[in-house]
Amino acid sequence: MGELPQVHLTDAGRAAIHRLKKLRLDRAARLRYTMDAFHRWLFDTAGDQKPINPVLFLATPAAYFAGSEITGTELFEALAHLAQHQLIERIDTEPPTVAITPQGVSCALTGGSVQDHVSQPRPGTTYNNYMPNAKGVIIGEQQHFAQNVTEGIDPTLFVQLAGYIGQVSPILGMPDDDRVELERVAEDLHAEATSGNPEPGRLRQFATQLRDKLLEGASTMAATQGIQMAEQALGGLMQ
């Protein structure tokens, strides 16, 4: 008789809410979504490789995951991953801007996820193991390395960590002496991780040193990403 109908959640509805709340706390899922959503937004908005302020993404309907807002911190972490895999290019402007790269355009055109794209094996190489020395000279190159899975040891994350530190060390804002030492430890980790029989104790030692040096001497977003990569690698050893 004109009154509003009474409604209540069913058991299925309560279960769906529980799944959403749990999903919101899945950090890996949030990061994967943020990378995909931002990359697609960038392609749709500035696919002609024009620079654009990435913060504008946060005002779009796509900047929500499982009903919760994507934070600025999550966005900048996603940008670090996209830049690391050369899907976007960071441009030193005020405010900072980014542009999609030709590789980023190719990724968008495939219709798959960012993770699918970066996980594809590439002929003749395994990972980008560029390692600059203290003067910024590249001393490594793309190469195969033997993955030793004996006793559950997978050096992949340690190789990625060493390569990442080598790439971003010049922009960490660390004193020269500290930066040189950081690069030396990264080279040691790279050598151990790509050896025929990497030793867990040495992997743990070098990765811990890198993490601690980043915690002590750097405060940039690139440093935060390095710390997270080190903790992820160390976590794999403890499992």
C-alpha atoms as a PDB file:
ATOM      1  CA  MET A   1       0.000   0.000   0.000  1.00  0.00           C
ATOM      2  CA  GLY A   2       2.703   2.453  -0.998  1.00  0.00           C
ATOM      3  CA  GLU A   3       5.107   1.496   1.795  1.00  0.00           C
ATOM      4  CA  LEU A   4       8.750   0.762   1.007  1.00  0.00           C
ATOM      5  CA  PRO A   5       9.436  -2.972   0.826  1.00  0.00           C
ATOM      6  CA  GLN A   6      11.511  -4.494   3.595  1.00  0.00           C
ATOM      7  CA  VAL A   7      14.704  -6.195   2.471  1.00  0.00           C
ATOM      8  CA  HIS A   8      17.419  -8.140   4.205  1.00  0.00           C
ATOM      9  CA  LEU A   9      20.651  -9.828   3.229  1.00  0.00           C
ATOM     10  CA  THR A  10      20.505 -13.485   2.389  1.00  0.00           C
ATOM     11  CA  ASP A  11      23.230 -15.896   3.375  1.00  0.00           C
ATOM     12  CA  ALA A  12      24.618 -15.550  -0.148  1.00  0.00           C
ATOM     13  CA  GLY A  13      24.646 -11.772   0.231  1.00  0.00           C
ATOM     14  CA  ARG A  14      26.504 -11.929   3.521  1.00  0.00           C
ATOM     15  CA  ALA A  15      29.025 -14.315   1.980  1.00  0.00           C
ATOM     16  CA  ALA A  16      29.541 -11.929  -0.935  1.00  0.00           C
ATOM     17  CA  ILE A  17      30.218  -9.038   1.462  1.00  0.00           C
ATOM     18  CA  HIS A  18      32.676 -11.183   3.381  1.00  0.00           C
ATOM     19  CA  ARG A  19      34.508 -12.040   0.147  1.00  0.00           C
ATOM     20  CA  LEU A  20      34.692  -8.369  -0.833  1.00  0.00           C
ATOM     21  CA  LYS A  21      36.084  -7.339   2.540  1.00  0.00           C
ATOM     22  CA  LYS A  22      38.675 -10.087   2.362  1.00  0.00           C
ATOM     23  CA  LEU A  23      39.568  -9.169  -1.222  1.00  0.00           C
ATOM     24  CA  ARG A  24      40.163  -5.541  -0.235  1.00  0.00           C
ATOM     25  CA  LEU A  25      42.959  -6.715   2.062  1.00  0.00           C
ATOM     26  CA  ASP A  26      44.700  -8.744  -0.673  1.00  0.00           C
ATOM     27  CA  ARG A  27      47.658  -6.490  -1.396  1.00  0.00           C
ATOM     28  CA  ALA A  28      48.838  -8.422  -4.440  1.00  0.00           C
ATOM     29  CA  ALA A  29      45.376  -8.364  -5.990  1.00  0.00           C
ATOM     30  CA  ARG A  30      45.073  -4.611  -5.328  1.00  0.00           C
ATOM     31  CA  LEU A  31      48.428  -3.941  -6.997  1.00  0.00           C
ATOM     32  CA  ARG A  32      47.611  -6.094 -10.024  1.00  0.00           C
ATOM     33  CA  TYR A  33      44.286  -4.318 -10.430  1.00  0.00           C
ATOM     34  CA  THR A  34      45.852  -0.861 -10.042  1.00  0.00           C
ATOM     35  CA  MET A  35      48.492  -1.593 -12.670  1.00  0.00           C
ATOM     36  CA  ASP A  36      45.887  -2.904 -15.121  1.00  0.00           C
ATOM     37  CA  ALA A  37      43.369  -0.122 -14.484  1.00  0.00           C
ATOM     38  CA  PHE A  38      45.926   2.680 -14.706  1.00  0.00           C
ATOM     39  CA  HIS A  39      47.588   1.218 -17.788  1.00  0.00           C
ATOM     40  CA  ARG A  40      44.262   0.927 -19.602  1.00  0.00           C
ATOM     41  CA  TRP A  41      43.245   4.446 -18.496  1.00  0.00           C
ATOM     42  CA  LEU A  42      46.561   5.839 -19.734  1.00  0.00           C
ATOM     43  CA  PHE A  43      46.155   4.092 -23.087  1.00  0.00           C
ATOM     44  CA  ASP A  44      42.592   5.371 -23.486  1.00  0.00           C
ATOM     45  CA  THR A  45      43.426   8.898 -22.305  1.00  0.00           C
ATOM     46  CA  ALA A  46      46.897   9.504 -23.725  1.00  0.00           C
ATOM     47  CA  GLY A  47      47.608   6.589 -26.036  1.00  0.00           C
ATOM     48  CA  ASP A  48      49.442   8.930 -28.406  1.00  0.00           C
ATOM     49  CA  GLN A  49      52.283   9.058 -25.849  1.00  0.00           C
ATOM     50  CA  LYS A  50      51.497  12.579 -24.656  1.00  0.00           C
ATOM     51  CA  PRO A  51      52.568  13.245 -21.038  1.00  0.00           C
ATOM     52  CA  ILE A  52      49.792  13.277 -18.456  1.00  0.00           C
ATOM     53  CA  ASN A  53      49.553  13.745 -14.707  1.00  0.00           C
ATOM     54  CA  PRO A  54      49.011  10.227 -13.296  1.00  0.00           C
ATOM     55  CA  VAL A  55      47.171  11.578 -10.238  1.00  0.00           C
ATOM     56  CA  LEU A  56      44.210  12.366 -12.505  1.00  0.00           C
ATOM     57  CA  PHE A  57      43.513   8.635 -12.557  1.00  0.00           C
ATOM     58  CA  LEU A  58      42.456   8.746  -8.901  1.00  0.00           C
ATOM     59  CA  ALA A  59      39.413  10.843  -9.839  1.00  0.00           C
ATOM     60  CA  THR A  60      38.071   8.254 -12.285  1.00  0.00           C
ATOM     61  CA  PRO A  61      35.507   5.502 -11.637  1.00  0.00           C
ATOM     62  CA  ALA A  62      38.232   2.922 -12.318  1.00  0.00           C
ATOM     63  CA  ALA A  63      40.176   4.012  -9.226  1.00  0.00           C
ATOM     64  CA  TYR A  64      38.281   1.629  -6.956  1.00  0.00           C
ATOM     65  CA  PHE A  65      39.060  -1.955  -6.036  1.00  0.00           C
ATOM     66  CA  ALA A  66      36.349  -4.132  -4.495  1.00  0.00           C
ATOM     67  CA  GLY A  67      34.494  -0.945  -3.575  1.00  0.00           C
ATOM     68  CA  SER A  68      37.435   0.780  -1.849  1.00  0.00           C
ATOM     69  CA  GLU A  69      39.438   3.707  -3.193  1.00  0.00           C
ATOM     70  CA  ILE A  70      42.894   3.192  -4.675  1.00  0.00           C
ATOM     71  CA  THR A  71      45.299   5.295  -2.614  1.00  0.00           C
ATOM     72  CA  GLY A  72      48.038   7.551  -3.873  1.00  0.00           C
ATOM     73  CA  THR A  73      50.620   5.212  -2.372  1.00  0.00           C
ATOM     74  CA  GLU A  74      49.156   2.254  -4.252  1.00  0.00           C
ATOM     75  CA  LEU A  75      49.121   4.260  -7.467  1.00  0.00           C
ATOM     76  CA  PHE A  76      52.785   5.247  -7.178  1.00  0.00           C
ATOM     77  CA  GLU A  77      53.748   1.660  -6.404  1.00  0.00           C
ATOM     78  CA  ALA A  78      51.929   0.564  -9.561  1.00  0.00           C
ATOM     79  CA  LEU A  79      53.726   3.297 -11.524  1.00  0.00           C
ATOM     80  CA  ALA A  80      57.077   1.980 -10.275  1.00  0.00           C
ATOM     81  CA  HIS A  81      56.249  -1.496 -11.585  1.00  0.00           C
ATOM     82  CA  LEU A  82      55.001  -0.182 -14.937  1.00  0.00           C
ATOM     83  CA  ALA A  83      58.121   1.946 -15.353  1.00  0.00           C
ATOM     84  CA  GLN A  84      60.362  -0.948 -14.343  1.00  0.00           C
ATOM     85  CA  HIS A  85      58.893  -3.027 -17.168  1.00  0.00           C
ATOM     86  CA  GLN A  86      59.116  -0.086 -19.610  1.00  0.00           C
ATOM     87  CA  LEU A  87      55.367   0.160 -20.133  1.00  0.00           C
ATOM     88  CA  ILE A  88      55.365   3.816 -19.095  1.00  0.00           C
ATOM     89  CA  GLU A  89      57.983   6.550 -19.064  1.00  0.00           C
ATOM     90  CA  ARG A  90      58.314   8.975 -16.181  1.00  0.00           C
ATOM     91  CA  ILE A  91      58.885  12.572 -17.267  1.00  0.00           C
ATOM     92  CA  ASP A  92      60.573  15.119 -15.027  1.00  0.00           C
ATOM     93  CA  THR A  93      58.012  17.915 -15.086  1.00  0.00           C
ATOM     94  CA  GLU A  94      56.189  19.918 -12.433  1.00  0.00           C
ATOM     95  CA  PRO A  95      53.915  18.263 -11.518  1.00  0.00           C
ATOM     96  CA  PRO A  96      55.471  14.933 -12.544  1.00  0.00           C
ATOM     97  CA  THR A  97      53.905  13.319 -15.599  1.00  0.00           C
ATOM     98  CA  VAL A  98      54.071   9.947 -17.333  1.00  0.00           C
ATOM     99  CA  ALA A  99      53.650   8.787 -20.905  1.00  0.00           C
ATOM    100  CA  ILE A 100      52.846   5.388 -22.301  1.00  0.00           C
ATOM    101  CA  THR A 101      55.699   3.756 -24.214  1.00  0.00           C
ATOM    102  CA  PRO A 102      55.470   1.821 -27.504  1.00  0.00           C
ATOM    103  CA  GLN A 103      55.827  -1.347 -25.436  1.00  0.00           C
ATOM    104  CA  GLY A 104      52.971  -0.152 -23.236  1.00  0.00           C
ATOM    105  CA  VAL A 105      50.809   0.392 -26.309  1.00  0.00           C
ATOM    106  CA  SER A 106      51.616  -3.117 -27.523  1.00  0.00           C
ATOM    107  CA  CYS A 107      50.635  -4.503 -24.125  1.00  0.00           C
ATOM    108  CA  ALA A 108      47.280  -2.689 -24.266  1.00  0.00           C
ATOM    109  CA  LEU A 109      46.566  -3.924 -27.784  1.00  0.00           C
ATOM    110  CA  THR A 110      46.989  -7.565 -26.770  1.00  0.00           C
ATOM    111  CA  GLY A 111      44.004  -7.223 -24.433  1.00  0.00           C
ATOM    112  CA  GLY A 112      45.700  -9.167 -21.647  1.00  0.00           C
ATOM    113  CA  SER A 113      46.818  -8.045 -18.210  1.00  0.00           C
ATOM    114  CA  VAL A 114      50.061  -6.283 -17.399  1.00  0.00           C
ATOM    115  CA  GLN A 115      51.206  -9.359 -15.480  1.00  0.00           C
ATOM    116  CA  ASP A 116      50.551 -11.570 -18.504  1.00  0.00           C
ATOM    117  CA  HIS A 117      52.667  -9.253 -20.636  1.00  0.00           C
ATOM    118  CA  VAL A 118      55.665  -9.001 -18.314  1.00  0.00           C
ATOM    119  CA  SER A 119      55.614 -12.736 -17.598  1.00  0.00           C
ATOM    120  CA  GLN A 120      55.963 -13.731 -21.231  1.00  0.00           C
ATOM    121  CA  PRO A 121      59.276 -15.505 -21.949  1.00  0.00           C
ATOM    122  CA  ARG A 122      61.489 -13.606 -24.342  1.00  0.00           C
ATOM    123  CA  PRO A 123      63.775 -15.362 -26.834  1.00  0.00           C
ATOM    124  CA  GLY A 124      67.413 -15.534 -25.819  1.00  0.00           C
ATOM    125  CA  THR A 125      67.008 -14.021 -22.386  1.00  0.00           C
ATOM    126  CA  THR A 126      65.537 -14.652 -18.991  1.00  0.00           C
ATOM    127  CA  TYR A 127      65.658 -11.332 -17.175  1.00  0.00           C
ATOM    128  CA  ASN A 128      67.009  -7.856 -17.724  1.00  0.00           C
ATOM    129  CA  ASN A 129      70.114  -8.079 -15.586  1.00  0.00           C
ATOM    130  CA  TYR A 130      71.594  -4.670 -16.257  1.00  0.00           C
ATOM    131  CA  MET A 131      73.998  -3.836 -13.437  1.00  0.00           C
ATOM    132  CA  PRO A 132      75.691  -0.409 -13.541  1.00  0.00           C
ATOM    133  CA  ASN A 133      78.909   0.014 -11.596  1.00  0.00           C
ATOM    134  CA  ALA A 134      79.711   3.005  -9.397  1.00  0.00           C
ATOM    135  CA  LYS A 135      80.258   5.190 -12.462  1.00  0.00           C
ATOM    136  CA  GLY A 136      76.971   4.154 -14.007  1.00  0.00           C
ATOM    137  CA  VAL A 137      78.584   1.940 -16.635  1.00  0.00           C
ATOM    138  CA  ILE A 138      76.637  -1.167 -17.568  1.00  0.00           C
ATOM    139  CA  ILE A 139      78.701  -4.190 -16.594  1.00  0.00           C
ATOM    140  CA  GLY A 140      76.068  -6.892 -17.077  1.00  0.00           C
ATOM    141  CA  GLU A 141      73.848  -7.970 -19.912  1.00  0.00           C
ATOM    142  CA  GLN A 142      70.800 -10.074 -20.591  1.00  0.00           C
ATOM    143  CA  GLN A 143      71.676 -13.674 -19.972  1.00  0.00           C
ATOM    144  CA  HIS A 144      70.360 -17.053 -18.990  1.00  0.00           C
ATOM    145  CA  PHE A 145      70.834 -18.238 -15.460  1.00  0.00           C
ATOM    146  CA  ALA A 146      70.266 -21.684 -14.030  1.00  0.00           C
ATOM    147  CA  GLN A 147      67.327 -21.781 -11.675  1.00  0.00           C
ATOM    148  CA  ASN A 148      68.077 -24.140  -8.807  1.00  0.00           C
ATOM    149  CA  VAL A 149      64.876 -25.303  -7.194  1.00  0.00           C
ATOM    150  CA  THR A 150      66.618 -27.771  -4.891  1.00  0.00           C
ATOM    151  CA  GLU A 151      65.111 -27.557  -1.418  1.00  0.00           C
ATOM    152  CA  GLY A 152      62.626 -25.011  -2.746  1.00  0.00           C
ATOM    153  CA  ILE A 153      65.248 -22.388  -3.657  1.00  0.00           C
ATOM    154  CA  ASP A 154      64.118 -20.162  -6.544  1.00  0.00           C
ATOM    155  CA  PRO A 155      66.595 -17.325  -7.238  1.00  0.00           C
ATOM    156  CA  THR A 156      64.229 -15.440  -9.544  1.00  0.00           C
ATOM    157  CA  LEU A 157      63.167 -12.794  -7.010  1.00  0.00           C
ATOM    158  CA  PHE A 158      66.777 -12.196  -5.975  1.00  0.00           C
ATOM    159  CA  VAL A 159      67.862 -11.695  -9.588  1.00  0.00           C
ATOM    160  CA  GLN A 160      65.028  -9.213 -10.067  1.00  0.00           C
ATOM    161  CA  LEU A 161      65.942  -7.400  -6.857  1.00  0.00           C
ATOM    162  CA  ALA A 162      69.618  -7.071  -7.835  1.00  0.00           C
ATOM    163  CA  GLY A 163      68.726  -5.839 -11.312  1.00  0.00           C
ATOM    164  CA  TYR A 164      66.217  -3.338  -9.949  1.00  0.00           C
ATOM    165  CA  ILE A 165      68.710  -1.869  -7.467  1.00  0.00           C
ATOM    166  CA  GLY A 166      71.263  -1.562 -10.249  1.00  0.00           C
ATOM    167  CA  GLN A 167      68.781   0.361 -12.378  1.00  0.00           C
ATOM    168  CA  VAL A 168      67.473   2.787  -9.762  1.00  0.00           C
ATOM    169  CA  SER A 169      70.565   3.390  -7.617  1.00  0.00           C
ATOM    170  CA  PRO A 170      71.389   6.730  -9.324  1.00  0.00           C
ATOM    171  CA  ILE A 171      67.975   8.174  -8.399  1.00  0.00           C
ATOM    172  CA  LEU A 172      67.820   7.066  -4.757  1.00  0.00           C
ATOM    173  CA  GLY A 173      69.374  10.287  -3.468  1.00  0.00           C
ATOM    174  CA  MET A 174      72.012   8.476  -1.426  1.00  0.00           C
ATOM    175  CA  PRO A 175      75.548   9.815  -0.753  1.00  0.00           C
ATOM    176  CA  ASP A 176      78.049   8.532  -3.289  1.00  0.00           C
ATOM    177  CA  ASP A 177      79.849   6.250  -0.836  1.00  0.00           C
ATOM    178  CA  ASP A 178      76.579   4.654   0.273  1.00  0.00           C
ATOM    179  CA  ARG A 179      75.401   4.276  -3.312  1.00  0.00           C
ATOM    180  CA  VAL A 180      78.631   2.572  -4.351  1.00  0.00           C
ATOM    181  CA  GLU A 181      78.323   0.154  -1.432  1.00  0.00           C
ATOM    182  CA  LEU A 182      74.682  -0.518  -2.296  1.00  0.00           C
ATOM    183  CA  GLU A 183      75.642  -1.354  -5.888  1.00  0.00           C
ATOM    184  CA  ARG A 184      78.465  -3.611  -4.682  1.00  0.00           C
ATOM    185  CA  VAL A 185      76.042  -5.635  -2.552  1.00  0.00           C
ATOM    186  CA  ALA A 186      73.593  -5.797  -5.473  1.00  0.00           C
ATOM    187  CA  GLU A 187      76.376  -7.171  -7.674  1.00  0.00           C
ATOM    188  CA  ASP A 188      77.212  -9.773  -5.015  1.00  0.00           C
ATOM    189  CA  LEU A 189      73.557 -10.800  -4.828  1.00  0.00           C
ATOM    190  CA  HIS A 190      73.322 -10.975  -8.603  1.00  0.00           C
ATOM    191  CA  ALA A 191      76.423 -13.175  -8.814  1.00  0.00           C
ATOM    192  CA  GLU A 192      75.155 -15.541  -6.107  1.00  0.00           C
ATOM    193  CA  ALA A 193      71.610 -15.750  -7.485  1.00  0.00           C
ATOM    194  CA  THR A 194      72.802 -16.527 -11.021  1.00  0.00           C
ATOM    195  CA  SER A 195      75.387 -19.095  -9.927  1.00  0.00           C
ATOM    196  CA  GLY A 196      74.796 -22.763 -10.584  1.00  0.00           C
ATOM    197  CA  ASN A 197      74.046 -23.507  -6.945  1.00  0.00           C
ATOM    198  CA  PRO A 198      72.954 -20.407  -5.003  1.00  0.00           C
ATOM    199  CA  GLU A 199      73.376 -20.695  -1.258  1.00  0.00           C
ATOM    200  CA  PRO A 200      70.302 -19.648   0.780  1.00  0.00           C
ATOM    201  CA  GLY A 201      72.437 -18.116   3.528  1.00  0.00           C
ATOM    202  CA  ARG A 202      74.267 -15.828   1.118  1.00  0.00           C
ATOM    203  CA  LEU A 203      71.050 -14.872  -0.689  1.00  0.00           C
ATOM    204  CA  ARG A 204      69.553 -13.963   2.676  1.00  0.00           C
ATOM    205  CA  GLN A 205      72.673 -12.028   3.710  1.00  0.00           C
ATOM    206  CA  PHE A 206      72.885  -9.882   0.575  1.00  0.00           C
ATOM    207  CA  ALA A 207      69.131  -9.242   0.301  1.00  0.00           C
ATOM    208  CA  THR A 208      68.998  -8.245   3.980  1.00  0.00           C
ATOM    209  CA  GLN A 209      71.917  -5.865   3.492  1.00  0.00           C
ATOM    210  CA  LEU A 210      70.184  -4.230   0.528  1.00  0.00           C
ATOM    211  CA  ARG A 211      66.946  -3.839   2.455  1.00  0.00           C
ATOM    212  CA  ASP A 212      68.693  -2.365   5.503  1.00  0.00           C
ATOM    213  CA  LYS A 213      70.765   0.058   3.414  1.00  0.00           C
ATOM    214  CA  LEU A 214      67.624   1.291   1.666  1.00  0.00           C
ATOM    215  CA  LEU A 215      65.855   1.697   5.011  1.00  0.00           C
ATOM    216  CA  GLU A 216      68.771   3.692   6.409  1.00  0.00           C
ATOM    217  CA  GLY A 217      69.787   5.852   3.488  1.00  0.00           C
ATOM    218  CA  ALA A 218      66.891   6.464   1.094  1.00  0.00           C
ATOM    219  CA  SER A 219      63.313   7.668   1.283  1.00  0.00           C
ATOM    220  CA  THR A 220      62.177   7.793  -2.349  1.00  0.00           C
ATOM    221  CA  MET A 221      59.395   5.771  -3.940  1.00  0.00           C
ATOM    222  CA  ALA A 222      62.049   3.768  -5.805  1.00  0.00           C
ATOM    223  CA  ALA A 223      63.655   2.890  -2.450  1.00  0.00           C
ATOM    224  CA  THR A 224      60.302   1.810  -1.041  1.00  0.00           C
ATOM    225  CA  GLN A 225      59.815  -0.465  -4.022  1.00  0.00           C
ATOM    226  CA  GLY A 226      63.275  -1.952  -3.478  1.00  0.00           C
ATOM    227  CA  ILE A 227      62.525  -2.597   0.193  1.00  0.00           C
ATOM    228  CA  GLN A 228      59.308  -4.378  -0.725  1.00  0.00           C
ATOM    229  CA  MET A 229      61.078  -6.499  -3.333  1.00  0.00           C
ATOM    230  CA  ALA A 230      63.748  -7.462  -0.790  1.00  0.00           C
ATOM    231  CA  GLU A 231      61.138  -8.442   1.791  1.00  0.00           C
ATOM    232  CA  GLN A 232      59.261 -10.488  -0.811  1.00  0.00           C
ATOM    233  CA  ALA A 233      62.446 -12.319  -1.783  1.00  0.00           C
ATOM    234  CA  LEU A 234      63.368 -12.966   1.844  1.00  0.00           C
ATOM    235  CA  GLY A 235      59.854 -14.167   2.564  1.00  0.00           C
ATOM    236  CA  GLY A 236      60.215 -16.785  -0.161  1.00  0.00           C
ATOM    237  CA  LEU A 237      63.304 -18.201   1.568  1.00  0.00           C
ATOM    238  CA  MET A 238      61.461 -18.561   4.856  1.00  0.00           C
ATOM    239  CA  GLN A 239      58.594 -20.605   3.444  1.00  0.00           C
END
